[in-house]
Amino acid sequence: MTSTGTALRRSLGVRDAVIIGLGSMIGAGVFAALGPAARAAGTGLLTGLAVAAVVAYCNAMSSARLAARYPASGGTYVYGRERLGVFWGYLAGWAFVVGKTASCAAMALTVGAYVWPGQAHAVAVAAVVALTAVNYGGIQKSAWLTRVVVAVVLAVLAAVVVVCLTSGQAGAGRLGPELPTGVGGVLQAAGLLFFAFAGYARIATLGEEVRDPARTIPRAVPLALGITLVVYACVAVAVLAVLGADRLGHAAAPLAEAVRVAGAPGLVPVVRVGAAVASLGSLLALILGVSRTTLAMARDGHLPTTLAAVHPRFRVPHRAELAVGAVVAVLAATVDVRGAIGFSSFGVLAYYAVANASAWTLSPAPRARVVPAVGLLGCATLASALPVASVTVGAGVLAAGAAAYGVRRWWAERRTSGS
């Protein structure tokens, strides 16, 4: 698939891959997504979390099977290309790169908002530059920093859960007496929460840097997803028990508000630091994933081929990383893209729809097709349940990418016929 001189270094084992997956999933989403999800679903929040987990599990299993078969950088871009055709691979890659680049900027701005609200844009740019430099130095440096981030965030979340559940303010009655806002609200909450789960794809997009990918990836993906689900469920129950669905849905910083109401105001600054660190972890993993998909698309000529270069010493796609970092830094410095979460969710769901369709083709056995079928249906359902603006913008961006592909292909065929 790639020559030795352009191949990335295989240095990640199961533990490293799980840590990177956890760093992607247990990030800013758990600090920010619970509020909007509760606003959409009421006490149906926990049901929405369960729905998101089922869809994420199906997508994870499909991605793991495909990554073991095609252990190259690019994730679903590669799987769609190999199983469904060049166009579907391109469309998946386009959805991922565009959606996740906006998400990178959102995570950077979240760091700025928690660290120094008055200078959020400046802090965001500094964070992007620093993490791009870490990624440039090699995948092992990124994995090491992700271990630190995951340890800090898990410690903060454990403190939040213990403080909330042991306080006199916690009440089991807040978990279920109110009726949810209906099936539509639950599905919308699931779509918003799915955004936080989607980081397991980072393990697959790093397939070219994993040792023994046929064994490592299928083990790492479900393990990382399972740990994340347990963490999210504990945090959601604890915060909901203290605040209730209505108060949780309108809290600007749900976890900080929960510990304050639980009688531990001294923990609020710690939660803010944890949120900033979590956002840094998410940003680090996002830049890793987007740069690897950019590398794969550049190798096939869908993006400038200069982005396919691999650093001779660090064995990383250094030009792709610098390009992604530059674009994200510009966005973080000039616009507020926190509202892009819905758009990013739409792009990610489109990306996984292609992954499930690709996994469907791996085996004709009906039993083997159940998981990708459920995953494909789940992706379509959650995408359609997102806010109308997110669906409209997301569909428009996918259509623009498809049109660009068609024009480029027409031009290439015209040049070929002319010669």
Protein backbone atom coordinates (compact mmCIF):
# COMPACT_ATOMS: atom_id res chain seq x y z
CA MET A 1 0.00 0.00 0.00
CA THR A 2 2.88 2.37 0.75
CA SER A 3 6.59 2.15 0.15
CA THR A 4 8.97 1.77 3.07
CA GLY A 5 10.17 5.34 2.71
CA THR A 6 6.67 6.78 3.04
CA ALA A 7 5.28 4.36 5.64
CA LEU A 8 4.55 5.49 9.18
CA ARG A 9 6.22 3.87 12.18
CA ARG A 10 4.32 1.02 13.88
CA SER A 11 4.90 1.68 17.58
CA LEU A 12 1.49 1.51 19.32
CA GLY A 13 0.42 -1.53 21.32
CA VAL A 14 -3.01 -2.35 22.77
CA ARG A 15 -2.54 -0.15 25.84
CA ASP A 16 -1.39 2.84 23.78
CA ALA A 17 -4.29 2.43 21.36
CA VAL A 18 -6.81 2.21 24.23
CA ILE A 19 -5.33 5.33 25.85
CA ILE A 20 -5.58 7.29 22.60
CA GLY A 21 -9.19 6.16 22.22
CA LEU A 22 -9.97 7.21 25.79
CA GLY A 23 -8.27 10.55 25.24
CA SER A 24 -10.52 11.08 22.23
CA MET A 25 -13.77 10.08 23.94
CA ILE A 26 -13.32 11.14 27.58
CA GLY A 27 -12.71 14.72 26.63
CA ALA A 28 -14.60 17.97 26.46
CA GLY A 29 -17.80 16.18 25.46
CA VAL A 30 -18.50 14.88 28.96
CA PHE A 31 -18.16 18.43 30.33
CA ALA A 32 -20.23 20.12 27.65
CA ALA A 33 -22.62 17.64 25.97
CA LEU A 34 -24.71 16.65 28.99
CA GLY A 35 -26.40 20.06 29.19
CA PRO A 36 -27.67 20.26 25.58
CA ALA A 37 -28.64 16.57 25.71
CA ALA A 38 -30.68 17.09 28.89
CA ARG A 39 -32.35 20.12 27.33
CA ALA A 40 -33.38 17.98 24.36
CA ALA A 41 -34.48 14.84 26.22
CA GLY A 42 -35.29 15.80 29.82
CA THR A 43 -34.87 12.75 32.03
CA GLY A 44 -34.75 10.76 28.80
CA LEU A 45 -31.07 11.76 28.89
CA LEU A 46 -30.03 8.33 30.16
CA THR A 47 -32.08 6.64 27.42
CA GLY A 48 -30.39 8.89 24.87
CA LEU A 49 -27.01 7.88 26.28
CA ALA A 50 -27.94 4.21 25.89
CA VAL A 51 -29.07 4.74 22.27
CA ALA A 52 -25.85 6.60 21.46
CA ALA A 53 -23.85 3.77 23.04
CA VAL A 54 -25.61 1.10 20.94
CA VAL A 55 -24.98 2.99 17.70
CA ALA A 56 -21.39 3.68 18.76
CA TYR A 57 -20.85 -0.01 19.57
CA CYS A 58 -22.07 -1.09 16.13
CA ASN A 59 -19.88 1.51 14.45
CA ALA A 60 -16.91 0.50 16.59
CA MET A 61 -17.26 -3.18 15.70
CA SER A 62 -17.59 -2.39 12.00
CA SER A 63 -14.56 -0.08 12.18
CA ALA A 64 -12.50 -2.65 14.08
CA ARG A 65 -13.19 -5.40 11.51
CA LEU A 66 -12.31 -3.08 8.66
CA ALA A 67 -9.18 -1.72 10.36
CA ALA A 68 -7.88 -5.24 10.91
CA ARG A 69 -8.38 -5.94 7.17
CA TYR A 70 -6.96 -2.59 6.00
CA PRO A 71 -4.35 -1.41 8.54
CA ALA A 72 -3.52 1.89 6.82
CA SER A 73 -3.92 5.53 7.83
CA GLY A 74 -7.20 7.10 6.80
CA GLY A 75 -9.87 5.01 8.55
CA THR A 76 -13.22 4.95 6.72
CA TYR A 77 -11.76 6.87 3.81
CA VAL A 78 -9.68 3.76 3.06
CA TYR A 79 -12.48 1.29 3.87
CA GLY A 80 -15.02 3.02 1.66
CA ARG A 81 -12.56 3.23 -1.19
CA GLU A 82 -11.63 -0.45 -0.97
CA ARG A 83 -15.12 -1.89 -0.35
CA LEU A 84 -17.57 0.52 -2.04
CA GLY A 85 -15.55 2.47 -4.57
CA VAL A 86 -13.43 5.58 -4.82
CA PHE A 87 -16.31 8.06 -4.56
CA TRP A 88 -17.68 6.69 -1.27
CA GLY A 89 -14.22 6.64 0.27
CA TYR A 90 -13.68 10.21 -0.84
CA LEU A 91 -17.05 11.32 0.56
CA ALA A 92 -16.27 9.72 3.94
CA GLY A 93 -12.87 11.40 4.02
CA TRP A 94 -14.37 14.73 3.05
CA ALA A 95 -17.01 14.52 5.80
CA PHE A 96 -14.38 13.61 8.37
CA VAL A 97 -11.78 16.24 7.47
CA VAL A 98 -14.22 19.16 7.17
CA GLY A 99 -16.33 18.25 10.20
CA LYS A 100 -13.44 17.40 12.47
CA THR A 101 -11.42 20.48 11.49
CA ALA A 102 -14.31 22.61 12.74
CA SER A 103 -14.46 20.42 15.85
CA CYS A 104 -10.73 21.00 16.44
CA ALA A 105 -11.32 24.74 16.52
CA ALA A 106 -14.27 24.26 18.89
CA MET A 107 -12.11 22.24 21.28
CA ALA A 108 -9.36 24.86 21.14
CA LEU A 109 -11.84 27.61 21.97
CA THR A 110 -13.18 25.51 24.84
CA VAL A 111 -9.65 25.42 26.28
CA GLY A 112 -9.46 29.20 25.97
CA ALA A 113 -12.87 29.71 27.56
CA TYR A 114 -11.88 27.71 30.66
CA VAL A 115 -8.27 28.90 31.00
CA TRP A 116 -8.64 32.63 30.25
CA PRO A 117 -12.14 33.65 29.13
CA GLY A 118 -11.05 37.20 28.28
CA GLN A 119 -8.39 35.94 25.86
CA ALA A 120 -10.04 32.75 24.67
CA HIS A 121 -8.96 33.12 21.04
CA ALA A 122 -5.30 33.76 21.92
CA VAL A 123 -5.19 30.77 24.27
CA ALA A 124 -6.90 28.63 21.63
CA VAL A 125 -4.27 29.45 19.03
CA ALA A 126 -1.46 28.77 21.52
CA ALA A 127 -3.00 25.40 22.35
CA VAL A 128 -3.22 24.45 18.64
CA VAL A 129 0.42 25.43 18.04
CA ALA A 130 1.66 23.53 21.09
CA LEU A 131 -0.24 20.32 20.30
CA THR A 132 0.73 20.44 16.63
CA ALA A 133 4.36 20.57 17.80
CA VAL A 134 3.79 17.54 20.06
CA ASN A 135 2.25 15.57 17.18
CA TYR A 136 5.11 16.60 14.89
CA GLY A 137 7.60 15.01 17.29
CA GLY A 138 6.18 11.52 16.80
CA ILE A 139 3.21 9.35 17.71
CA GLN A 140 4.81 8.08 20.95
CA LYS A 141 5.06 11.63 22.32
CA SER A 142 1.37 12.09 21.53
CA ALA A 143 0.53 8.80 23.25
CA TRP A 144 2.54 9.79 26.34
CA LEU A 145 0.81 13.17 26.65
CA THR A 146 -2.57 11.48 26.15
CA ARG A 147 -1.85 9.19 29.13
CA VAL A 148 -1.34 12.24 31.33
CA VAL A 149 -4.52 13.90 30.05
CA VAL A 150 -6.64 10.77 30.55
CA ALA A 151 -5.32 10.29 34.11
CA VAL A 152 -6.12 13.90 35.09
CA VAL A 153 -9.60 13.87 33.54
CA LEU A 154 -10.55 10.52 35.08
CA ALA A 155 -9.43 11.77 38.51
CA VAL A 156 -11.56 14.92 38.16
CA LEU A 157 -14.60 12.98 36.96
CA ALA A 158 -14.24 10.48 39.82
CA ALA A 159 -14.21 13.38 42.27
CA VAL A 160 -17.36 14.84 40.69
CA VAL A 161 -19.20 11.51 40.91
CA VAL A 162 -18.22 10.87 44.53
CA VAL A 163 -19.06 14.41 45.69
CA CYS A 164 -22.43 14.42 43.93
CA LEU A 165 -23.61 10.96 44.96
CA THR A 166 -22.54 11.34 48.60
CA SER A 167 -24.06 14.79 49.06
CA GLY A 168 -27.38 15.43 50.70
CA GLN A 169 -28.58 17.13 47.51
CA ALA A 170 -28.63 13.91 45.46
CA GLY A 171 -32.03 12.38 44.94
CA ALA A 172 -32.99 9.26 43.01
CA GLY A 173 -36.33 10.89 42.21
CA ARG A 174 -34.62 13.31 39.83
CA LEU A 175 -33.59 10.45 37.56
CA GLY A 176 -37.04 9.62 36.29
CA PRO A 177 -40.21 11.33 37.49
CA GLU A 178 -40.40 13.87 34.69
CA LEU A 179 -41.48 12.67 31.28
CA PRO A 180 -38.91 13.03 28.50
CA THR A 181 -39.69 15.33 25.60
CA GLY A 182 -40.62 12.40 23.37
CA VAL A 183 -38.81 10.08 20.98
CA GLY A 184 -37.54 13.00 18.93
CA GLY A 185 -35.93 14.60 21.97
CA VAL A 186 -34.28 11.34 23.01
CA LEU A 187 -32.89 10.77 19.51
CA GLN A 188 -31.60 14.33 19.32
CA ALA A 189 -29.88 13.85 22.68
CA ALA A 190 -28.39 10.60 21.39
CA GLY A 191 -27.06 12.41 18.33
CA LEU A 192 -25.43 15.09 20.50
CA LEU A 193 -23.96 12.51 22.89
CA PHE A 194 -22.69 10.42 19.96
CA PHE A 195 -20.35 13.31 19.17
CA ALA A 196 -18.55 12.57 22.44
CA PHE A 197 -18.34 8.81 21.76
CA ALA A 198 -16.95 9.13 18.25
CA GLY A 199 -13.30 9.27 19.29
CA TYR A 200 -12.80 5.51 18.98
CA ALA A 201 -12.30 6.15 15.26
CA ARG A 202 -8.93 7.62 16.16
CA ILE A 203 -7.67 4.10 16.84
CA ALA A 204 -8.69 3.03 13.34
CA THR A 205 -7.30 6.12 11.60
CA LEU A 206 -3.94 5.37 13.24
CA GLY A 207 -3.96 1.84 11.78
CA GLU A 208 -0.63 2.31 10.03
CA GLU A 209 1.08 3.13 13.34
CA VAL A 210 -0.28 0.17 15.36
CA ARG A 211 1.74 -2.98 15.95
CA ASP A 212 -0.02 -6.18 14.80
CA PRO A 213 -3.18 -4.26 13.77
CA ALA A 214 -5.22 -7.40 13.03
CA ARG A 215 -4.98 -8.28 16.74
CA THR A 216 -4.52 -4.89 18.40
CA ILE A 217 -7.34 -2.82 16.87
CA PRO A 218 -10.23 -5.30 17.43
CA ARG A 219 -9.17 -5.51 21.09
CA ALA A 220 -8.53 -1.81 21.68
CA VAL A 221 -11.71 -0.37 20.14
CA PRO A 222 -14.36 -2.18 22.26
CA LEU A 223 -12.22 -1.86 25.38
CA ALA A 224 -11.91 1.91 25.02
CA LEU A 225 -15.61 2.24 24.18
CA GLY A 226 -16.69 0.13 27.16
CA ILE A 227 -14.61 2.14 29.64
CA THR A 228 -15.97 5.38 28.22
CA LEU A 229 -19.59 4.22 28.49
CA VAL A 230 -19.13 3.32 32.16
CA VAL A 231 -17.56 6.72 32.88
CA TYR A 232 -20.27 8.65 31.01
CA ALA A 233 -23.08 6.71 32.69
CA CYS A 234 -21.66 7.35 36.18
CA VAL A 235 -21.20 11.06 35.51
CA ALA A 236 -24.65 11.45 33.94
CA VAL A 237 -26.40 9.71 36.85
CA ALA A 238 -24.46 11.71 39.46
CA VAL A 239 -25.06 15.12 37.86
CA LEU A 240 -28.70 14.37 37.05
CA ALA A 241 -29.34 13.23 40.64
CA VAL A 242 -28.10 16.58 41.98
CA LEU A 243 -29.39 19.07 39.40
CA GLY A 244 -32.39 17.39 37.83
CA ALA A 245 -33.04 17.46 34.09
CA ASP A 246 -34.29 21.05 33.84
CA ARG A 247 -31.46 22.63 35.80
CA LEU A 248 -28.88 20.44 34.06
CA GLY A 249 -30.25 21.44 30.65
CA HIS A 250 -29.79 25.16 31.39
CA ALA A 251 -26.42 25.02 33.17
CA ALA A 252 -23.58 26.71 31.28
CA ALA A 253 -21.00 24.47 32.98
CA PRO A 254 -22.99 21.41 34.17
CA LEU A 255 -20.30 19.60 36.13
CA ALA A 256 -19.08 22.75 37.87
CA GLU A 257 -22.67 23.65 38.75
CA ALA A 258 -23.28 20.13 40.07
CA VAL A 259 -20.36 20.18 42.52
CA ARG A 260 -21.32 23.69 43.67
CA VAL A 261 -24.90 22.61 44.40
CA ALA A 262 -23.59 19.43 46.06
CA GLY A 263 -21.84 21.64 48.64
CA ALA A 264 -18.26 21.52 47.34
CA PRO A 265 -17.61 24.99 45.83
CA GLY A 266 -13.88 24.50 46.36
CA LEU A 267 -13.97 21.77 43.72
CA VAL A 268 -15.29 24.15 41.04
CA PRO A 269 -11.79 25.42 40.00
CA VAL A 270 -10.59 21.82 39.83
CA VAL A 271 -13.47 20.94 37.51
CA ARG A 272 -12.61 23.94 35.33
CA VAL A 273 -8.99 22.76 35.08
CA GLY A 274 -10.23 19.25 34.29
CA ALA A 275 -12.43 20.62 31.50
CA ALA A 276 -9.50 22.53 30.02
CA VAL A 277 -7.24 19.47 30.18
CA ALA A 278 -9.99 17.30 28.67
CA SER A 279 -10.39 19.76 25.81
CA LEU A 280 -6.64 19.63 25.21
CA GLY A 281 -6.82 15.83 25.06
CA SER A 282 -9.68 15.96 22.57
CA LEU A 283 -7.83 18.51 20.46
CA LEU A 284 -4.65 16.42 20.46
CA ALA A 285 -6.52 13.31 19.29
CA LEU A 286 -8.55 15.25 16.71
CA ILE A 287 -5.43 16.72 15.09
CA LEU A 288 -3.96 13.21 14.96
CA GLY A 289 -7.04 11.80 13.22
CA VAL A 290 -7.58 14.64 10.74
CA SER A 291 -3.92 14.72 9.71
CA ARG A 292 -3.89 10.95 9.04
CA THR A 293 -7.03 11.13 6.90
CA THR A 294 -5.51 14.11 5.09
CA LEU A 295 -2.40 11.99 4.46
CA ALA A 296 -4.47 9.15 2.97
CA MET A 297 -6.48 11.49 0.71
CA ALA A 298 -3.29 13.24 -0.43
CA ARG A 299 -1.72 9.90 -1.34
CA ASP A 300 -4.66 9.31 -3.70
CA GLY A 301 -4.58 12.80 -5.19
CA HIS A 302 -7.84 14.07 -3.64
CA LEU A 303 -5.81 16.66 -1.73
CA PRO A 304 -2.45 18.24 -2.73
CA THR A 305 0.11 15.44 -2.97
CA THR A 306 2.68 17.46 -1.01
CA LEU A 307 0.61 16.66 2.09
CA ALA A 308 1.48 12.96 1.67
CA ALA A 309 5.07 13.53 2.79
CA VAL A 310 6.31 11.55 5.82
CA HIS A 311 9.08 12.97 8.00
CA PRO A 312 12.26 10.89 7.52
CA ARG A 313 13.13 10.92 11.23
CA PHE A 314 9.84 11.07 13.16
CA ARG A 315 7.87 8.98 10.62
CA VAL A 316 4.78 11.20 10.90
CA PRO A 317 2.82 13.04 8.14
CA HIS A 318 4.45 16.31 9.12
CA ARG A 319 3.14 18.46 6.26
CA ALA A 320 -0.40 17.24 6.78
CA GLU A 321 -0.09 17.96 10.51
CA LEU A 322 1.25 21.46 9.87
CA ALA A 323 -1.48 22.18 7.32
CA VAL A 324 -4.24 20.98 9.65
CA GLY A 325 -2.72 22.93 12.55
CA ALA A 326 -2.54 26.11 10.47
CA VAL A 327 -6.18 25.89 9.34
CA VAL A 328 -7.39 25.15 12.87
CA ALA A 329 -5.32 28.03 14.29
CA VAL A 330 -6.85 30.47 11.79
CA LEU A 331 -10.37 29.29 12.65
CA ALA A 332 -9.67 29.47 16.39
CA ALA A 333 -8.33 33.02 16.02
CA THR A 334 -11.14 34.42 13.91
CA VAL A 335 -14.47 32.67 14.54
CA ASP A 336 -16.51 31.10 17.29
CA VAL A 337 -17.32 27.58 16.12
CA ARG A 338 -18.83 26.14 19.28
CA GLY A 339 -22.12 25.98 17.40
CA ALA A 340 -20.46 23.59 14.94
CA ILE A 341 -20.98 20.61 17.27
CA GLY A 342 -24.21 19.68 15.48
CA PHE A 343 -22.57 20.03 12.08
CA SER A 344 -19.63 17.95 13.21
CA SER A 345 -22.00 15.27 14.51
CA PHE A 346 -23.72 15.16 11.13
CA GLY A 347 -20.38 14.74 9.36
CA VAL A 348 -19.24 12.02 11.77
CA LEU A 349 -22.51 10.11 11.39
CA ALA A 350 -22.17 10.29 7.58
CA TYR A 351 -18.61 9.01 7.96
CA TYR A 352 -19.73 6.02 10.03
CA ALA A 353 -22.62 5.30 7.69
CA VAL A 354 -19.99 4.62 5.02
CA ALA A 355 -18.03 2.49 7.52
CA ASN A 356 -21.06 0.31 8.25
CA ALA A 357 -21.93 0.00 4.57
CA SER A 358 -18.32 -1.07 3.95
CA ALA A 359 -18.42 -3.64 6.78
CA TRP A 360 -21.66 -5.03 5.29
CA THR A 361 -19.64 -6.22 2.27
CA LEU A 362 -17.04 -8.14 4.31
CA SER A 363 -19.19 -11.27 4.65
CA PRO A 364 -22.35 -12.53 2.95
CA ALA A 365 -23.43 -14.35 6.13
CA PRO A 366 -26.65 -12.79 7.51
CA ARG A 367 -25.40 -13.03 11.09
CA ALA A 368 -22.25 -11.08 10.24
CA ARG A 369 -24.35 -8.31 8.69
CA VAL A 370 -26.57 -7.61 11.71
CA VAL A 371 -24.15 -5.23 13.44
CA PRO A 372 -23.35 -3.08 10.36
CA ALA A 373 -27.06 -3.00 9.44
CA VAL A 374 -28.01 -1.72 12.90
CA GLY A 375 -25.12 0.75 12.80
CA LEU A 376 -26.12 2.10 9.38
CA LEU A 377 -29.75 2.52 10.42
CA GLY A 378 -28.68 4.16 13.67
CA CYS A 379 -26.41 6.64 11.90
CA ALA A 380 -29.18 7.65 9.49
CA THR A 381 -31.72 8.01 12.30
CA LEU A 382 -29.50 10.10 14.59
CA ALA A 383 -28.32 12.32 11.72
CA SER A 384 -31.90 13.10 10.71
CA ALA A 385 -32.82 13.87 14.35
CA LEU A 386 -30.17 16.59 14.75
CA PRO A 387 -31.23 20.27 14.70
CA VAL A 388 -32.48 21.39 11.27
CA ALA A 389 -29.66 23.90 10.82
CA SER A 390 -27.03 21.20 11.42
CA VAL A 391 -28.66 18.83 8.93
CA THR A 392 -29.01 21.57 6.30
CA VAL A 393 -25.43 22.81 6.57
CA GLY A 394 -24.04 19.28 6.81
CA ALA A 395 -25.92 18.09 3.74
CA GLY A 396 -24.81 21.20 1.86
CA VAL A 397 -21.14 20.60 2.70
CA LEU A 398 -21.37 16.94 1.63
CA ALA A 399 -23.03 18.03 -1.63
CA ALA A 400 -20.25 20.57 -2.23
CA GLY A 401 -17.64 17.88 -1.71
CA ALA A 402 -19.43 15.52 -4.08
CA ALA A 403 -19.66 18.27 -6.71
CA ALA A 404 -15.93 18.99 -6.38
CA TYR A 405 -15.20 15.30 -6.86
CA GLY A 406 -17.39 15.19 -9.99
CA VAL A 407 -15.76 18.27 -11.52
CA ARG A 408 -12.25 16.96 -10.87
CA ARG A 409 -13.10 13.57 -12.35
CA TRP A 410 -14.70 15.18 -15.41
CA TRP A 411 -11.62 17.33 -15.94
CA ALA A 412 -9.27 14.34 -15.58
CA GLU A 413 -11.31 12.31 -18.11
CA ARG A 414 -11.34 15.25 -20.52
CA ARG A 415 -7.56 15.62 -20.33
CA THR A 416 -7.12 11.88 -20.83
CA SER A 417 -9.38 11.80 -23.87
CA GLY A 418 -7.72 14.90 -25.28
CA SER A 419 -4.29 13.36 -25.08
